[in-house]
Amino acid sequence: MRDTYHSLKFVTAIAPVTIADNTPIVGAIVSHADFQSLTYAIQTGTLADADATFAVLLEHGDAADLSDAVPVPDESLIGTEALAGFTFANDAATRKLGYIGDMGFTRLTITPTGNTGSAPVSAMGVLSHANTRPVA
């Protein structure tokens, strides 16, 4: 039987937020403990600004507070940060970015440029390939 319900854990990386300036949205630190895979899902709402862009950065480290955070190298990503980014034209869009590195913690940051309008954004970490199943 194909069952992902008992194999996945969903964590909030960026709680739904609406931004109207160029302040980076720094996500929550996600622990990979007891999981072998992580994919971030990024979702937009209706993006009001007519020329805004949104760059995505993924950092990783082994310290729980990410005091040792460094950008994730391309070879530790599935997909690219560029493909996970979006522009004003991507209303109600979803992007994804996979992490296959070996560090214990990651953090997603979305940085707007040219944003003066309403931009609703959220992101979720989807942890999979649990070491112990079922996942609560």
N, C-alpha and C. Protein backbone atom coordinates (compact mmCIF):
# COMPACT_ATOMS: atom_id res chain seq x y z
N MET A 1 0.84 -1.18 0.00
CA MET A 1 0.00 0.00 0.00
C MET A 1 0.88 1.25 0.00
N ARG A 2 0.55 2.20 -0.82
CA ARG A 2 1.30 3.45 -0.87
C ARG A 2 0.74 4.40 0.18
N ASP A 3 1.58 4.77 1.11
CA ASP A 3 1.12 5.59 2.23
C ASP A 3 2.15 6.67 2.53
N THR A 4 1.83 7.91 2.26
CA THR A 4 2.72 9.00 2.67
C THR A 4 2.25 9.62 3.98
N TYR A 5 1.01 9.41 4.36
CA TYR A 5 0.47 9.99 5.59
C TYR A 5 1.34 9.64 6.80
N HIS A 6 1.78 8.40 6.89
CA HIS A 6 2.57 7.95 8.03
C HIS A 6 4.06 8.14 7.83
N SER A 7 4.47 8.76 6.73
CA SER A 7 5.89 8.88 6.40
C SER A 7 6.39 10.32 6.31
N LEU A 8 5.48 11.28 6.37
CA LEU A 8 5.85 12.68 6.19
C LEU A 8 5.60 13.50 7.46
N LYS A 9 6.42 14.54 7.63
CA LYS A 9 6.20 15.51 8.70
C LYS A 9 6.25 16.89 8.05
N PHE A 10 5.26 17.72 8.36
CA PHE A 10 5.18 19.06 7.81
C PHE A 10 5.50 20.06 8.92
N VAL A 11 6.40 21.00 8.62
CA VAL A 11 6.77 22.02 9.61
C VAL A 11 6.67 23.40 8.95
N THR A 12 6.26 24.37 9.73
CA THR A 12 6.18 25.73 9.22
C THR A 12 7.59 26.29 9.08
N ALA A 13 7.93 26.71 7.89
CA ALA A 13 9.22 27.36 7.65
C ALA A 13 9.03 28.88 7.67
N ILE A 14 8.01 29.36 6.96
CA ILE A 14 7.62 30.77 6.99
C ILE A 14 6.11 30.79 7.15
N ALA A 15 5.65 31.25 8.32
CA ALA A 15 4.21 31.36 8.54
C ALA A 15 3.64 32.36 7.55
N PRO A 16 2.39 32.18 7.12
CA PRO A 16 1.82 33.13 6.16
C PRO A 16 2.01 34.57 6.62
N VAL A 17 2.59 35.37 5.72
CA VAL A 17 2.88 36.77 6.03
C VAL A 17 2.66 37.59 4.77
N THR A 18 2.24 38.83 4.94
CA THR A 18 2.12 39.75 3.80
C THR A 18 3.13 40.86 4.01
N ILE A 19 4.00 41.03 3.03
CA ILE A 19 5.03 42.07 3.14
C ILE A 19 4.78 43.15 2.11
N ALA A 20 5.19 44.38 2.44
CA ALA A 20 4.97 45.51 1.54
C ALA A 20 6.24 46.33 1.37
N ASP A 21 7.39 45.70 1.60
CA ASP A 21 8.67 46.38 1.42
C ASP A 21 9.71 45.35 1.02
N ASN A 22 10.98 45.67 1.18
CA ASN A 22 12.06 44.78 0.75
C ASN A 22 12.76 44.08 1.91
N THR A 23 12.10 44.01 3.05
CA THR A 23 12.68 43.33 4.21
C THR A 23 12.72 41.83 3.96
N PRO A 24 13.89 41.19 4.13
CA PRO A 24 13.96 39.73 3.95
C PRO A 24 13.03 39.01 4.93
N ILE A 25 12.43 37.94 4.45
CA ILE A 25 11.59 37.08 5.29
C ILE A 25 12.47 35.91 5.72
N VAL A 26 12.91 35.93 6.96
CA VAL A 26 13.80 34.89 7.47
C VAL A 26 12.95 33.81 8.12
N GLY A 27 13.04 32.60 7.59
CA GLY A 27 12.22 31.50 8.07
C GLY A 27 12.71 30.90 9.37
N ALA A 28 11.91 30.00 9.89
CA ALA A 28 12.25 29.26 11.10
C ALA A 28 13.34 28.24 10.78
N ILE A 29 14.11 27.89 11.78
CA ILE A 29 15.13 26.85 11.63
C ILE A 29 14.42 25.50 11.64
N VAL A 30 14.73 24.68 10.65
CA VAL A 30 14.11 23.36 10.53
C VAL A 30 15.16 22.30 10.87
N SER A 31 14.84 21.43 11.82
CA SER A 31 15.70 20.31 12.20
C SER A 31 15.39 19.12 11.32
N HIS A 32 16.43 18.42 10.89
CA HIS A 32 16.26 17.22 10.06
C HIS A 32 16.37 15.94 10.88
N ALA A 33 16.43 16.06 12.19
CA ALA A 33 16.62 14.90 13.05
C ALA A 33 15.58 13.83 12.72
N ASP A 34 16.04 12.60 12.53
CA ASP A 34 15.21 11.42 12.30
C ASP A 34 14.59 11.36 10.90
N PHE A 35 15.04 12.23 9.99
CA PHE A 35 14.55 12.21 8.61
C PHE A 35 15.73 12.25 7.64
N GLN A 36 15.55 11.63 6.50
CA GLN A 36 16.61 11.57 5.49
C GLN A 36 16.41 12.58 4.37
N SER A 37 15.21 13.15 4.24
CA SER A 37 14.92 14.05 3.12
C SER A 37 14.14 15.27 3.59
N LEU A 38 14.35 16.38 2.88
CA LEU A 38 13.62 17.62 3.16
C LEU A 38 13.35 18.36 1.86
N THR A 39 12.12 18.76 1.66
CA THR A 39 11.75 19.62 0.54
C THR A 39 10.98 20.81 1.10
N TYR A 40 11.37 21.99 0.65
CA TYR A 40 10.63 23.20 1.01
C TYR A 40 9.59 23.48 -0.06
N ALA A 41 8.38 23.82 0.36
CA ALA A 41 7.31 24.24 -0.54
C ALA A 41 7.02 25.71 -0.22
N ILE A 42 7.14 26.56 -1.23
CA ILE A 42 6.93 28.00 -1.08
C ILE A 42 5.66 28.36 -1.84
N GLN A 43 4.79 29.13 -1.21
CA GLN A 43 3.54 29.50 -1.87
C GLN A 43 3.34 31.01 -1.82
N THR A 44 2.85 31.56 -2.93
CA THR A 44 2.54 32.98 -3.00
C THR A 44 1.03 33.17 -3.06
N GLY A 45 0.60 34.38 -2.71
CA GLY A 45 -0.78 34.77 -2.91
C GLY A 45 -0.83 35.71 -4.10
N THR A 46 -1.74 36.67 -4.09
CA THR A 46 -1.82 37.67 -5.15
C THR A 46 -0.78 38.74 -4.88
N LEU A 47 0.19 38.85 -5.78
CA LEU A 47 1.31 39.77 -5.61
C LEU A 47 0.96 41.09 -6.29
N ALA A 48 0.85 42.17 -5.49
CA ALA A 48 0.30 43.44 -5.99
C ALA A 48 1.31 44.30 -6.75
N ASP A 49 2.59 44.21 -6.43
CA ASP A 49 3.58 45.07 -7.08
C ASP A 49 3.85 44.62 -8.51
N ALA A 50 4.03 45.56 -9.41
CA ALA A 50 4.17 45.23 -10.84
C ALA A 50 5.61 45.01 -11.28
N ASP A 51 6.59 45.08 -10.38
CA ASP A 51 7.97 44.83 -10.81
C ASP A 51 8.82 44.16 -9.73
N ALA A 52 8.20 43.58 -8.73
CA ALA A 52 8.93 42.95 -7.63
C ALA A 52 9.50 41.59 -8.03
N THR A 53 10.65 41.26 -7.45
CA THR A 53 11.24 39.93 -7.57
C THR A 53 11.52 39.42 -6.16
N PHE A 54 11.57 38.10 -6.03
CA PHE A 54 11.74 37.47 -4.72
C PHE A 54 12.79 36.38 -4.85
N ALA A 55 13.95 36.60 -4.24
CA ALA A 55 15.06 35.65 -4.30
C ALA A 55 14.99 34.71 -3.10
N VAL A 56 15.38 33.46 -3.33
CA VAL A 56 15.35 32.44 -2.28
C VAL A 56 16.78 32.05 -1.92
N LEU A 57 17.04 31.94 -0.63
CA LEU A 57 18.34 31.49 -0.11
C LEU A 57 18.09 30.39 0.90
N LEU A 58 18.84 29.30 0.81
CA LEU A 58 18.78 28.23 1.80
C LEU A 58 20.14 28.14 2.46
N GLU A 59 20.14 28.20 3.80
CA GLU A 59 21.37 28.06 4.59
C GLU A 59 21.28 26.78 5.40
N HIS A 60 22.45 26.23 5.76
CA HIS A 60 22.46 25.04 6.61
C HIS A 60 23.62 25.13 7.60
N GLY A 61 23.54 24.28 8.63
CA GLY A 61 24.58 24.20 9.64
C GLY A 61 24.26 23.08 10.61
N ASP A 62 25.17 22.85 11.54
CA ASP A 62 24.96 21.81 12.55
C ASP A 62 24.56 22.35 13.91
N ALA A 63 24.70 23.65 14.13
CA ALA A 63 24.30 24.25 15.41
C ALA A 63 22.79 24.48 15.40
N ALA A 64 22.12 24.13 16.49
CA ALA A 64 20.66 24.24 16.56
C ALA A 64 20.18 25.68 16.35
N ASP A 65 21.00 26.67 16.69
CA ASP A 65 20.63 28.07 16.48
C ASP A 65 21.16 28.62 15.16
N LEU A 66 21.78 27.75 14.36
CA LEU A 66 22.37 28.09 13.06
C LEU A 66 23.40 29.21 13.17
N SER A 67 24.09 29.28 14.32
CA SER A 67 25.18 30.25 14.46
C SER A 67 26.32 29.93 13.49
N ASP A 68 26.33 28.72 12.95
CA ASP A 68 27.34 28.30 11.98
C ASP A 68 26.79 28.28 10.55
N ALA A 69 25.69 28.98 10.30
CA ALA A 69 24.99 28.91 9.01
C ALA A 69 25.86 29.39 7.85
N VAL A 70 25.79 28.63 6.76
CA VAL A 70 26.43 29.00 5.50
C VAL A 70 25.44 28.66 4.39
N PRO A 71 25.54 29.36 3.25
CA PRO A 71 24.66 29.01 2.13
C PRO A 71 24.86 27.56 1.70
N VAL A 72 23.78 26.90 1.35
CA VAL A 72 23.84 25.51 0.89
C VAL A 72 24.47 25.50 -0.51
N PRO A 73 25.50 24.68 -0.71
CA PRO A 73 26.09 24.59 -2.05
C PRO A 73 25.13 23.89 -3.02
N ASP A 74 25.27 24.22 -4.29
CA ASP A 74 24.37 23.68 -5.31
C ASP A 74 24.29 22.16 -5.30
N GLU A 75 25.40 21.48 -5.02
CA GLU A 75 25.39 20.02 -5.04
C GLU A 75 24.57 19.40 -3.90
N SER A 76 24.17 20.22 -2.92
CA SER A 76 23.32 19.74 -1.83
C SER A 76 21.86 20.14 -2.01
N LEU A 77 21.52 20.63 -3.20
CA LEU A 77 20.15 21.02 -3.51
C LEU A 77 19.57 20.14 -4.60
N ILE A 78 18.28 19.92 -4.53
CA ILE A 78 17.53 19.36 -5.65
C ILE A 78 16.71 20.53 -6.18
N GLY A 79 16.95 20.90 -7.42
CA GLY A 79 16.42 22.14 -7.95
C GLY A 79 17.42 23.24 -7.65
N THR A 80 17.04 24.47 -7.90
CA THR A 80 17.93 25.60 -7.63
C THR A 80 17.17 26.68 -6.88
N GLU A 81 17.93 27.50 -6.19
CA GLU A 81 17.32 28.64 -5.52
C GLU A 81 16.71 29.60 -6.54
N ALA A 82 17.33 29.73 -7.71
CA ALA A 82 16.79 30.60 -8.75
C ALA A 82 15.41 30.10 -9.20
N LEU A 83 15.26 28.79 -9.39
CA LEU A 83 13.96 28.25 -9.80
C LEU A 83 12.92 28.34 -8.68
N ALA A 84 13.37 28.38 -7.43
CA ALA A 84 12.44 28.51 -6.30
C ALA A 84 11.99 29.95 -6.11
N GLY A 85 12.75 30.91 -6.67
CA GLY A 85 12.37 32.32 -6.58
C GLY A 85 11.17 32.61 -7.47
N PHE A 86 10.65 33.84 -7.36
CA PHE A 86 9.47 34.19 -8.14
C PHE A 86 9.44 35.70 -8.37
N THR A 87 8.52 36.13 -9.23
CA THR A 87 8.35 37.55 -9.53
C THR A 87 6.90 37.94 -9.32
N PHE A 88 6.63 39.21 -9.55
CA PHE A 88 5.27 39.76 -9.42
C PHE A 88 4.26 39.02 -10.29
N ALA A 89 4.72 38.36 -11.33
CA ALA A 89 3.83 37.66 -12.26
C ALA A 89 3.39 36.29 -11.76
N ASN A 90 3.90 35.86 -10.63
CA ASN A 90 3.63 34.51 -10.13
C ASN A 90 2.58 34.49 -9.02
N ASP A 91 1.41 35.06 -9.31
CA ASP A 91 0.31 35.02 -8.34
C ASP A 91 -0.13 33.59 -8.09
N ALA A 92 -0.42 33.28 -6.83
CA ALA A 92 -0.92 31.96 -6.43
C ALA A 92 -0.07 30.84 -7.00
N ALA A 93 1.25 31.00 -6.91
CA ALA A 93 2.18 30.00 -7.43
C ALA A 93 2.79 29.19 -6.28
N THR A 94 3.27 28.02 -6.62
CA THR A 94 3.99 27.18 -5.67
C THR A 94 5.35 26.84 -6.27
N ARG A 95 6.38 26.92 -5.46
CA ARG A 95 7.74 26.56 -5.85
C ARG A 95 8.24 25.52 -4.86
N LYS A 96 9.28 24.77 -5.26
CA LYS A 96 9.86 23.79 -4.34
C LYS A 96 11.37 23.83 -4.45
N LEU A 97 12.02 23.41 -3.35
CA LEU A 97 13.47 23.33 -3.28
C LEU A 97 13.83 22.19 -2.35
N GLY A 98 14.59 21.23 -2.86
CA GLY A 98 14.96 20.06 -2.08
C GLY A 98 16.35 20.20 -1.48
N TYR A 99 16.53 19.63 -0.29
CA TYR A 99 17.82 19.64 0.41
C TYR A 99 18.29 18.20 0.60
N ILE A 100 19.52 17.90 0.16
CA ILE A 100 20.09 16.57 0.33
C ILE A 100 21.44 16.63 1.03
N GLY A 101 21.71 17.74 1.69
CA GLY A 101 22.96 17.89 2.43
C GLY A 101 22.96 17.06 3.69
N ASP A 102 24.09 17.09 4.40
CA ASP A 102 24.22 16.24 5.58
C ASP A 102 24.28 17.01 6.89
N MET A 103 23.94 18.28 6.87
CA MET A 103 23.92 19.05 8.11
C MET A 103 22.56 18.92 8.77
N GLY A 104 22.49 19.21 10.06
CA GLY A 104 21.30 18.94 10.84
C GLY A 104 20.18 19.96 10.78
N PHE A 105 20.48 21.18 10.31
CA PHE A 105 19.48 22.24 10.36
C PHE A 105 19.56 23.10 9.09
N THR A 106 18.41 23.61 8.65
CA THR A 106 18.36 24.54 7.53
C THR A 106 17.43 25.70 7.86
N ARG A 107 17.59 26.77 7.08
CA ARG A 107 16.73 27.94 7.22
C ARG A 107 16.54 28.55 5.83
N LEU A 108 15.31 28.84 5.49
CA LEU A 108 14.94 29.44 4.21
C LEU A 108 14.73 30.93 4.40
N THR A 109 15.27 31.74 3.48
CA THR A 109 15.05 33.19 3.50
C THR A 109 14.57 33.62 2.12
N ILE A 110 13.55 34.45 2.09
CA ILE A 110 13.04 35.02 0.84
C ILE A 110 13.27 36.53 0.91
N THR A 111 13.99 37.05 -0.08
CA THR A 111 14.33 38.47 -0.09
C THR A 111 13.69 39.17 -1.28
N PRO A 112 12.76 40.11 -1.01
CA PRO A 112 12.14 40.85 -2.09
C PRO A 112 13.03 42.00 -2.57
N THR A 113 12.85 42.36 -3.83
CA THR A 113 13.49 43.54 -4.41
C THR A 113 12.41 44.26 -5.21
N GLY A 114 12.34 45.59 -5.06
CA GLY A 114 11.36 46.36 -5.81
C GLY A 114 9.93 46.15 -5.35
N ASN A 115 9.74 45.68 -4.14
CA ASN A 115 8.40 45.38 -3.65
C ASN A 115 7.85 46.55 -2.83
N THR A 116 6.83 47.20 -3.34
CA THR A 116 6.15 48.25 -2.59
C THR A 116 4.68 47.93 -2.41
N GLY A 117 4.25 46.79 -2.92
CA GLY A 117 2.84 46.40 -2.81
C GLY A 117 2.67 45.24 -1.86
N SER A 118 1.50 44.72 -1.79
CA SER A 118 1.15 43.61 -0.92
C SER A 118 1.65 42.30 -1.53
N ALA A 119 2.43 41.54 -0.75
CA ALA A 119 2.97 40.27 -1.24
C ALA A 119 2.78 39.19 -0.16
N PRO A 120 1.71 38.40 -0.25
CA PRO A 120 1.52 37.30 0.69
C PRO A 120 2.38 36.09 0.31
N VAL A 121 3.11 35.56 1.30
CA VAL A 121 4.05 34.46 1.07
C VAL A 121 4.01 33.52 2.27
N SER A 122 4.24 32.24 2.03
CA SER A 122 4.42 31.27 3.11
C SER A 122 5.33 30.15 2.60
N ALA A 123 5.86 29.37 3.52
CA ALA A 123 6.69 28.23 3.14
C ALA A 123 6.57 27.13 4.20
N MET A 124 6.66 25.91 3.72
CA MET A 124 6.55 24.73 4.58
C MET A 124 7.72 23.80 4.29
N GLY A 125 8.25 23.19 5.33
CA GLY A 125 9.24 22.14 5.16
C GLY A 125 8.53 20.80 5.20
N VAL A 126 8.80 19.95 4.22
CA VAL A 126 8.22 18.62 4.17
C VAL A 126 9.35 17.62 4.41
N LEU A 127 9.37 17.03 5.59
CA LEU A 127 10.37 16.05 5.96
C LEU A 127 9.87 14.66 5.60
N SER A 128 10.75 13.85 5.01
CA SER A 128 10.33 12.51 4.59
C SER A 128 11.45 11.50 4.81
N HIS A 129 11.16 10.26 4.47
CA HIS A 129 12.08 9.15 4.68
C HIS A 129 12.50 9.10 6.16
N ALA A 130 11.49 9.01 7.00
CA ALA A 130 11.70 8.98 8.44
C ALA A 130 12.47 7.73 8.86
N ASN A 131 13.33 7.88 9.85
CA ASN A 131 14.06 6.75 10.38
C ASN A 131 13.14 5.80 11.14
N THR A 132 12.07 6.36 11.73
CA THR A 132 11.09 5.56 12.47
C THR A 132 9.70 5.93 11.98
N ARG A 133 8.91 4.91 11.66
CA ARG A 133 7.54 5.13 11.20
C ARG A 133 6.58 4.36 12.08
N PRO A 134 5.36 4.80 12.24
CA PRO A 134 4.74 5.94 11.58
C PRO A 134 5.18 7.26 12.22
N VAL A 135 5.10 8.33 11.41
CA VAL A 135 5.40 9.69 11.87
C VAL A 135 4.12 10.24 12.47
N ALA A 136 4.22 10.77 13.68
CA ALA A 136 3.03 11.33 14.37
C ALA A 136 2.51 12.53 13.63
